């Protein structure tokens, strides 16, 4: 009687790990590297037949700095404009935490920040 349904939920054995909702947040200033890491994570999750949502593309944050070219303030008023674009992706997984450790153990490119948050359902 371990596999009966009660109100849409399947009862499971006590030795099985609980399933968590896991959100992986990836940020980088380089889009190609970020998309490559996202593809590797989703491919690894689909190989283990997990429920995957994403990668969800969050709007790009653009950090801008405008500064004068001349250090003393004299001369023609010329300005330098610098900007840095920060790209962000979200991936949601429904699995146990042990499986997520296996998936996220891939070699992640330098310049990509990974944040993993776990929420119980």
Protein backbone atom coordinates (compact mmCIF):
# COMPACT_ATOMS: atom_id res chain seq x y z
CA UNK A 1 0.00 0.00 0.00
CA UNK A 2 2.95 2.32 -0.52
CA UNK A 3 1.69 3.62 -3.89
CA UNK A 4 -1.80 4.92 -3.20
CA UNK A 5 -3.16 8.34 -4.11
CA UNK A 6 -4.62 10.73 -1.57
CA UNK A 7 -5.96 14.04 -2.89
CA UNK A 8 -3.65 14.05 -5.91
CA UNK A 9 -0.44 13.23 -4.02
CA UNK A 10 1.43 9.95 -4.22
CA UNK A 11 2.67 8.54 -0.92
CA UNK A 12 6.35 7.57 -0.97
CA UNK A 13 8.66 5.52 1.19
CA UNK A 14 10.42 7.10 4.18
CA UNK A 15 13.91 6.29 2.88
CA UNK A 16 13.36 8.38 -0.26
CA UNK A 17 14.66 11.98 -0.14
CA UNK A 18 12.04 14.75 -0.21
CA UNK A 19 11.58 16.68 -3.43
CA UNK A 20 12.42 20.38 -3.23
CA UNK A 21 11.83 23.31 -5.53
CA UNK A 22 15.32 24.50 -6.41
CA UNK A 23 16.06 27.81 -8.14
CA UNK A 24 19.44 28.31 -9.81
CA UNK A 25 20.32 31.95 -10.58
CA UNK A 26 23.13 32.56 -13.07
CA UNK A 27 24.63 36.02 -13.65
CA UNK A 28 27.39 37.11 -16.00
CA UNK A 29 28.54 40.00 -18.15
CA UNK A 30 29.25 37.64 -21.08
CA UNK A 31 26.14 36.25 -22.83
CA UNK A 32 27.80 33.40 -24.75
CA UNK A 33 29.35 31.86 -21.64
CA UNK A 34 26.10 32.29 -19.71
CA UNK A 35 24.00 30.55 -22.39
CA UNK A 36 26.55 27.72 -22.58
CA UNK A 37 26.35 27.08 -18.81
CA UNK A 38 22.52 27.24 -18.93
CA UNK A 39 22.43 24.69 -21.73
CA UNK A 40 24.73 22.32 -19.80
CA UNK A 41 22.61 22.58 -16.64
CA UNK A 42 19.30 21.98 -18.43
CA UNK A 43 20.79 19.10 -20.46
CA UNK A 44 22.06 17.44 -17.27
CA UNK A 45 18.69 17.85 -15.56
CA UNK A 46 16.78 16.44 -18.54
CA UNK A 47 19.10 13.41 -18.67
CA UNK A 48 18.08 12.63 -15.09
CA UNK A 49 14.40 13.17 -16.12
CA UNK A 50 13.69 16.08 -13.77
CA UNK A 51 11.06 18.78 -14.16
CA UNK A 52 12.90 21.80 -15.55
CA UNK A 53 11.58 25.32 -16.12
CA UNK A 54 13.85 27.75 -17.87
CA UNK A 55 16.22 29.29 -18.54
CA UNK A 56 14.12 32.39 -17.89
CA UNK A 57 15.82 35.51 -19.19
CA UNK A 58 15.68 38.44 -16.78
CA UNK A 59 16.03 41.95 -18.32
CA UNK A 60 19.63 43.10 -18.72
CA UNK A 61 20.90 45.53 -16.08
CA UNK A 62 23.06 48.26 -17.61
CA UNK A 63 25.45 50.10 -15.28
CA UNK A 64 26.59 53.43 -16.75
CA UNK A 65 29.34 55.82 -15.65
CA UNK A 66 29.95 59.19 -17.37
CA UNK A 67 33.15 61.05 -16.49
CA UNK A 68 35.20 63.98 -17.80
CA UNK A 69 38.28 63.14 -19.87
CA UNK A 70 40.41 65.97 -18.52
CA UNK A 71 41.79 65.52 -15.00
CA UNK A 72 42.13 69.26 -14.24
CA UNK A 73 38.78 70.48 -15.58
CA UNK A 74 40.22 72.90 -18.16
CA UNK A 75 40.07 72.60 -21.90
CA UNK A 76 37.23 71.36 -24.04
CA UNK A 77 34.43 69.64 -22.20
CA UNK A 78 34.79 66.07 -23.48
CA UNK A 79 33.23 63.11 -21.70
CA UNK A 80 33.89 59.37 -21.52
CA UNK A 81 30.92 57.04 -21.26
CA UNK A 82 31.48 53.55 -19.84
CA UNK A 83 28.90 50.83 -19.37
CA UNK A 84 28.73 47.26 -18.12
CA UNK A 85 25.86 44.93 -18.99
CA UNK A 86 24.83 42.26 -16.50
CA UNK A 87 22.78 39.34 -17.86
CA UNK A 88 20.75 37.04 -15.60
CA UNK A 89 19.06 33.65 -16.10
CA UNK A 90 16.80 31.61 -13.79
CA UNK A 91 16.38 27.82 -13.88
CA UNK A 92 13.79 26.04 -11.69
CA UNK A 93 14.17 22.34 -10.85
CA UNK A 94 11.97 19.94 -8.89
CA UNK A 95 14.21 17.28 -7.36
CA UNK A 96 16.10 16.17 -4.27
CA UNK A 97 19.14 18.12 -3.14
CA UNK A 98 21.53 15.20 -3.77
CA UNK A 99 20.66 15.11 -7.48
CA UNK A 100 21.16 18.87 -7.78
CA UNK A 101 24.68 18.50 -6.35
CA UNK A 102 25.44 16.05 -9.16
CA UNK A 103 24.01 18.37 -11.81
CA UNK A 104 25.79 21.52 -10.56
CA UNK A 105 29.14 19.71 -10.26
CA UNK A 106 29.87 20.50 -13.93
CA UNK A 107 32.76 22.81 -14.67
CA UNK A 108 31.31 26.32 -14.67
CA UNK A 109 33.10 28.90 -16.79
CA UNK A 110 34.93 31.74 -15.01
CA UNK A 111 32.90 34.92 -14.96
CA UNK A 112 29.57 33.18 -14.25
CA UNK A 113 28.13 33.56 -10.75
CA UNK A 114 25.86 30.74 -9.56
CA UNK A 115 23.38 31.04 -6.72
CA UNK A 116 21.31 28.02 -5.63
CA UNK A 117 18.27 28.47 -3.37
CA UNK A 118 16.15 25.60 -2.04
CA UNK A 119 12.49 25.99 -1.04
CA UNK A 120 10.23 23.26 0.34
CA UNK A 121 6.96 22.61 -1.43
